[in-house]
Structure formats: C-alpha cells, structure tokens
Protein backbone atom coordinates (compact mmCIF):
# COMPACT_ATOMS: atom_id res chain seq x y z
CA ILE A 1 122.24 91.00 121.55
CA SER A 2 124.72 88.91 119.05
CA SER A 3 128.24 89.74 118.56
CA VAL A 4 129.71 91.94 116.03
CA GLU A 5 133.24 90.47 115.82
CA GLU A 6 134.27 88.74 119.37
CA PRO A 7 134.65 86.17 120.42
CA SER A 8 132.98 85.55 116.58
CA PRO A 9 130.42 87.06 114.56
CA GLY A 10 127.13 86.07 115.64
CA TRP A 11 127.90 84.79 118.91
CA ILE A 12 124.96 84.57 121.41
CA GLU A 13 123.69 82.49 124.73
CA ASN A 14 120.40 83.40 125.11
CA PHE A 15 117.00 83.84 123.48
CA ASN A 16 116.99 87.60 124.40
CA GLY A 17 116.31 90.58 121.75
CA PRO A 18 115.97 89.74 118.05
CA VAL A 19 117.48 86.53 117.60
CA GLY A 20 114.53 85.09 119.73
CA ILE A 21 112.38 87.03 117.03
CA PHE A 22 114.65 85.18 114.49
CA VAL A 23 114.25 81.87 115.79
CA ALA A 24 110.65 82.22 116.30
CA CYS A 25 109.94 83.44 112.96
CA GLY A 26 112.86 81.31 111.41
CA LYS A 27 110.76 78.25 112.85
CA GLY A 28 107.35 79.04 112.00
CA ILE A 29 105.85 78.95 115.60
CA MET A 30 105.72 83.33 116.08
CA ARG A 31 102.92 84.58 113.94
CA THR A 32 102.00 87.84 115.92
CA ILE A 33 103.75 89.99 117.83
CA HIS A 34 102.33 93.02 120.28
CA THR A 35 104.24 96.56 119.37
CA LYS A 36 104.35 99.05 117.32
CA PRO A 37 106.27 98.93 113.54
CA ASP A 38 107.06 102.62 113.98
CA ILE A 39 109.16 102.31 116.98
CA ILE A 40 112.83 102.28 116.81
CA CYS A 41 114.84 99.38 118.16
CA ASP A 42 117.81 100.16 120.42
CA PHE A 43 120.32 97.31 120.83
CA ILE A 44 123.64 97.42 121.21
CA PRO A 45 125.96 94.11 120.35
CA VAL A 46 127.27 92.07 123.34
CA ASP A 47 131.21 92.54 122.41
CA ILE A 48 130.60 96.79 121.81
CA CYS A 49 129.41 96.48 125.23
CA ALA A 50 132.17 94.44 126.57
CA LYS A 51 134.71 97.40 125.19
CA ASN A 52 132.88 100.53 126.19
CA ILE A 53 132.64 98.76 129.69
CA ILE A 54 136.42 97.94 129.61
CA ALA A 55 137.27 101.36 128.23
CA GLY A 56 135.08 103.02 130.90
CA ALA A 57 136.84 101.34 133.68
CA TRP A 58 140.46 102.43 131.87
CA ILE A 59 138.99 105.99 131.94
CA ARG A 60 138.11 105.64 135.67
CA GLY A 61 141.13 104.18 136.98
CA THR A 62 143.32 106.35 135.29
CA LYS A 63 141.83 109.86 135.33
CA PRO A 64 142.84 111.67 138.87
CA ILE A 65 139.55 112.36 140.53
CA GLU A 66 138.25 115.80 142.34
CA PRO A 67 135.58 115.51 145.29
CA THR A 68 133.53 118.02 142.94
CA ASP A 69 133.43 115.61 139.62
CA ASP A 70 130.07 114.51 138.88
CA ILE A 71 129.98 110.60 137.86
CA GLU A 72 130.32 109.67 134.51
CA ILE A 73 127.51 107.52 132.89
CA TYR A 74 127.96 105.62 129.75
CA ASN A 75 124.48 104.61 128.33
CA CYS A 76 125.75 102.17 126.35
CA CYS A 77 123.16 102.08 123.28
CA SER A 78 123.40 102.58 119.59
CA GLY A 79 120.40 105.62 119.89
CA ASN A 80 120.57 107.71 116.30
CA LEU A 81 123.41 105.42 115.28
CA ASN A 82 122.22 102.93 113.56
CA ASN A 83 119.05 102.16 114.07
CA MET A 84 116.12 100.26 113.27
CA LEU A 85 112.35 100.66 112.91
CA MET A 86 110.77 97.64 114.70
CA GLY A 87 108.58 97.01 111.52
CA ASP A 88 111.69 97.19 109.14
CA LEU A 89 113.47 94.17 112.26
CA VAL A 90 110.05 91.91 111.68
CA GLU A 91 110.42 91.82 107.71
CA MET A 92 114.06 91.43 108.00
CA SER A 93 113.65 88.57 110.14
CA LYS A 94 111.68 86.66 107.39
CA HIS A 95 113.95 87.66 104.51
CA VAL A 96 116.86 86.57 106.75
CA SER A 97 114.66 83.32 108.62
CA LYS A 98 114.51 82.73 104.14
CA GLU A 99 118.35 82.91 103.50
CA VAL A 100 119.56 81.19 106.28
CA PRO A 101 116.81 78.72 107.57
CA LEU A 102 116.52 76.91 110.53
CA ASP A 103 116.34 72.91 110.79
CA GLY A 104 112.94 71.24 111.28
CA MET A 105 110.93 74.29 110.68
CA LEU A 106 107.46 73.28 111.68
CA TRP A 107 105.72 76.06 109.51
CA HIS A 108 106.73 78.41 107.25
CA THR A 109 108.30 82.00 107.79
CA GLY A 110 106.11 84.00 108.94
CA GLY A 111 104.42 86.81 111.71
CA THR A 112 103.16 90.14 111.20
CA ILE A 113 102.80 93.07 114.13
CA THR A 114 100.06 93.53 116.10
CA THR A 115 99.34 96.74 117.39
CA ASN A 116 96.07 95.82 118.91
CA PRO A 117 96.14 93.84 122.10
CA VAL A 118 92.95 92.62 121.74
CA TYR A 119 93.68 91.28 118.37
CA HIS A 120 96.64 90.39 119.26
CA TYR A 121 95.34 87.71 122.29
CA ILE A 122 92.43 86.68 119.30
CA LYS A 123 95.74 85.84 116.96
CA VAL A 124 97.62 84.11 119.96
CA LEU A 125 94.68 81.90 120.26
CA VAL A 126 93.73 80.82 116.70
CA GLN A 127 97.73 81.04 115.08
CA HIS A 128 99.72 79.98 118.08
CA LEU A 129 97.49 77.95 120.77
CA LEU A 130 95.34 75.87 118.22
CA PRO A 131 97.98 74.57 115.94
CA ALA A 132 100.04 73.80 119.49
CA PHE A 133 97.61 72.30 120.29
CA LEU A 134 97.05 69.66 117.64
CA VAL A 135 100.71 69.21 116.82
CA ASP A 136 101.11 68.49 120.35
CA THR A 137 98.40 65.60 120.28
CA LEU A 138 99.70 63.90 117.25
CA LEU A 139 102.78 63.83 119.24
CA TRP A 140 101.08 62.48 121.66
CA LEU A 141 98.60 59.53 119.59
CA ILE A 142 102.68 58.48 117.70
CA GLY A 143 104.06 58.25 121.14
CA LYS A 144 106.29 61.14 121.61
CA LYS A 145 106.62 64.17 124.38
CA PRO A 146 104.23 66.90 123.46
CA MET A 147 106.10 70.28 123.49
CA LEU A 148 105.03 73.16 120.94
CA VAL A 149 101.87 74.47 123.61
CA LYS A 150 104.62 74.52 126.31
CA VAL A 151 107.25 76.57 123.84
CA GLN A 152 104.42 79.03 122.73
CA ARG A 153 103.08 79.74 126.56
CA ARG A 154 106.73 80.67 126.74
CA ILE A 155 106.98 83.04 124.29
CA TYR A 156 103.27 84.50 125.11
CA ILE A 157 104.55 85.11 128.60
CA ALA A 158 107.24 86.87 127.36
CA ASN A 159 105.68 89.05 124.81
CA LEU A 160 103.33 89.97 127.73
CA ALA A 161 106.46 90.84 130.25
CA LEU A 162 107.58 92.85 127.27
CA SER A 163 104.58 94.32 125.77
CA TYR A 164 104.99 97.52 127.70
CA TYR A 165 108.42 98.30 126.71
CA LEU A 166 107.77 96.96 123.11
CA THR A 167 104.62 99.57 122.58
CA GLN A 168 106.63 102.24 124.22
CA GLN A 169 109.29 104.47 122.21
CA TRP A 170 112.67 104.80 124.77
CA THR A 171 115.57 107.31 123.94
CA PHE A 172 118.66 107.51 125.73
CA ASP A 173 121.69 109.83 125.52
CA ASN A 174 124.35 107.80 124.18
CA THR A 175 126.79 111.08 124.12
CA ASN A 176 129.35 109.89 126.88
CA PHE A 177 129.34 106.70 124.54
CA VAL A 178 130.11 108.13 121.60
CA GLN A 179 133.00 110.66 122.56
CA LEU A 180 134.86 107.56 125.01
CA ARG A 181 136.01 105.92 121.83
CA SER A 182 137.72 109.06 120.70
CA VAL A 183 139.65 109.04 123.54
CA LEU A 184 141.00 105.47 123.28
CA LYS A 185 145.07 105.49 122.77
CA GLN A 186 146.37 104.65 119.48
CA ALA A 187 147.43 101.07 120.76
CA ASP A 188 143.87 100.04 122.10
CA MET A 189 142.35 101.22 118.79
CA LYS A 190 142.01 97.69 117.46
CA GLN A 191 140.74 96.05 120.22
CA PHE A 192 138.82 98.08 121.79
CA TYR A 193 137.39 100.51 119.11
CA TYR A 194 133.47 100.16 118.53
CA ASP A 195 132.13 101.40 115.25
CA LEU A 196 128.13 101.22 114.98
CA GLU A 197 127.31 103.99 112.30
CA THR A 198 129.40 101.60 109.41
CA THR A 199 127.34 98.41 110.26
CA ASP A 200 125.57 96.76 107.35
CA LEU A 201 122.40 95.95 109.61
CA VAL A 202 121.24 92.25 106.71
CA GLU A 203 124.56 91.40 107.06
CA TYR A 204 124.92 91.63 111.06
CA PHE A 205 121.61 90.11 111.27
CA THR A 206 122.39 87.60 108.63
CA LYS A 207 125.05 86.52 111.07
CA CYS A 208 123.05 86.45 113.55
CA CYS A 209 120.58 84.19 112.57
CA LEU A 210 123.73 81.47 111.65
CA GLY A 211 124.56 82.32 115.50
CA GLY A 212 121.68 81.39 116.43
CA ARG A 213 121.92 78.31 114.82
CA ARG A 214 125.03 77.50 115.71
CA PHE A 215 125.37 78.74 119.62
CA LEU A 216 121.54 77.99 120.97
CA LEU A 217 120.34 75.35 118.61
CA LYS A 218 123.16 73.67 118.07
CA GLU A 219 122.77 73.41 114.11
CA LYS A 220 125.64 72.10 111.45
CA ASP A 221 125.86 74.43 109.04
CA GLU A 222 126.21 72.28 106.43
CA ASP A 223 123.05 71.04 106.94
CA ILE A 224 121.00 74.65 105.43
CA PRO A 225 120.85 73.06 102.08
CA LYS A 226 118.47 70.28 103.35
CA ALA A 227 116.68 73.47 105.64
CA ARG A 228 116.34 75.72 102.61
CA ALA A 229 114.85 72.68 100.66
CA HIS A 230 112.37 72.14 103.62
CA CYS A 231 111.98 75.96 103.38
CA LYS A 232 110.37 75.75 100.12
CA ARG A 233 107.91 73.14 100.58
CA MET A 234 106.99 74.41 103.85
CA MET A 235 106.24 77.69 101.81
CA ILE A 236 104.50 76.05 99.25
CA LEU A 237 102.37 74.35 101.50
CA ASP A 238 101.49 77.56 103.47
CA GLN A 239 100.63 79.06 100.04
CA ALA A 240 98.45 76.07 99.04
CA MET A 241 96.68 76.38 102.02
CA GLN A 242 95.94 79.65 102.05
CA VAL A 243 94.70 79.29 98.67
CA LEU A 244 92.05 76.47 99.96
CA PHE A 245 90.80 78.57 103.06
CA HIS A 246 89.72 81.42 100.73
CA ALA A 247 88.74 79.12 98.39
CA VAL A 248 86.08 77.17 100.76
CA PHE A 249 85.40 80.45 102.77
CA LEU A 250 83.96 82.32 99.29
CA TRP A 251 82.37 78.72 98.59
CA TRP A 252 80.34 79.36 101.99
CA VAL A 253 79.51 83.04 101.39
CA CYS A 254 77.99 82.10 98.34
CA LYS A 255 76.08 79.33 99.69
CA LYS A 256 74.96 81.72 102.60
CA ILE A 257 74.33 83.47 99.70
CA VAL A 258 72.16 81.78 97.39
CA GLN A 259 70.50 80.59 100.10
CA LEU A 260 69.36 83.91 101.41
CA PHE A 261 67.76 84.83 98.33
CA GLY A 262 66.46 81.47 97.48
CA ILE A 263 68.76 81.10 94.27
CA GLN A 264 68.71 77.64 92.38
CA SER A 265 71.91 76.11 91.49
CA ASN A 266 73.54 72.92 91.26
CA LEU A 267 76.96 73.96 92.72
CA PHE A 268 75.75 74.20 96.10
C-alpha cells in the first residue's frame, strides 16, 4: 500500500488496499463493504516491502550457502507489529476523508461494514446502483457522459472478488521479516531499516489520503479548503435528507395506523 517515506510520504500508483476504500468513501460513492469488523488488516507499505526485498537479497548474496541449508522465507507483512481491525479502518477512512476531503464529492463521506452477503447485496442495489442510475440519467439529460454506474460496477466486482479474503482471518508468520532488520550493517540502517511499531496510523493514513489525491486523482493541495467547504455542504445535505426520509416514513406509518383503526384526523 502507500509508502511511509520513499519516494515521498503517501506515494501510491493503484487503488488496491485501503487507499481504494478511502477514495471511494471520500467521493461518497461507497456506502457498504462486505467484510467483518473484527478482522485484523495486514497491510505493508510499499517502501518497507522494497527495503525488505533488498535486504533479503543482500543476505542471500553474501551468505555462504550449504546444500543442507533451508531456504529463507520472508513474509513481508505487519503481523502483530502494528495492526488495525477492519472496523477501525473503515471508521478511520471516514475521519481522514473529512480532514483531507476529495474534490467533487458526490455525497457525504460514509460507508458501513455489512457482514451478511444478502443484506450487502440489497444495500448495493439501494445505496450504490440506484443513486448511480439517477446520477447517470441526469448526466445524460444535460449532455454529459454517464460514468457512475460503470464505477459502481467496478467497485462491486472488486468487492465480490475479495469477499472471501475480507471475511476470513489470515495470519502470517513474519519472524524472519522482523529479524532481518537486526542484521543490517550500521552504515545501511538509515536507508534500509524499517520500523512499523512506532508508526502513527492516523498520521500515516492521512498521508495515504493525501497521496491518493496527488498521485491517483491528480488533485491539487491548494484545492483542499474548497473541498472541505464542499464536504460540509454535503454533510448538511445528507443530514437534511435523513431527517426528511425519517419524517416521511413516520408520516406514512401514522397514516397507516389511522387508516387501520379508522381514526378521523385532518392531518392525514
């Protein structure tokens, strides 16, 4: 996933991993994800992975090899060094998306975890596809190219492909990965030493979101104040729509109760 330091903090070139969740939630187009909140996320920054590969190659190239030696395997993963639950990751994505909002939000930042696949599918239809069809229809009417249904289709296919892995707990032994950094020479410590334990995850994922803006979406940092103002407007609109929806639903329930019991009222 996004880098910690090199080539620059938050550097990334694809939407894989949590950055994709941050971007989708930040744009307001992802409202549900099929996973479990208590699953431990095991992500590794790309620059730490690169350092591990180089250090492993150095050990392999300089160590005398005997026919009886075992092949060293380095699971480049965070393991229990500094991990996070999937539920915490989704909640953090909402927080970070408010601090570093994206340009052109379609709706307020959001997204919830859905553990039931059937309920998730229903939410995809109601919260993803239905709004996408409405937006694309409006775009078509004003002469612009529809695109949101296509985006939602890609999100759904990606979540469908990853659902098995996102609903299972995976545990990898990173003992060799941790021990490898202890054999680095003092002269190489500055360039190749990697430390996950002391990484501030909130600060790191904030930089990830900034990196997503810069390197994936090509959005300018100077536009962040405008994006924050737009984010606040979308939050107010979202809250207003929720109040309106619940008010209409309550009115409908009351009307049905009145009709059921034959109560006379001028309100209905």
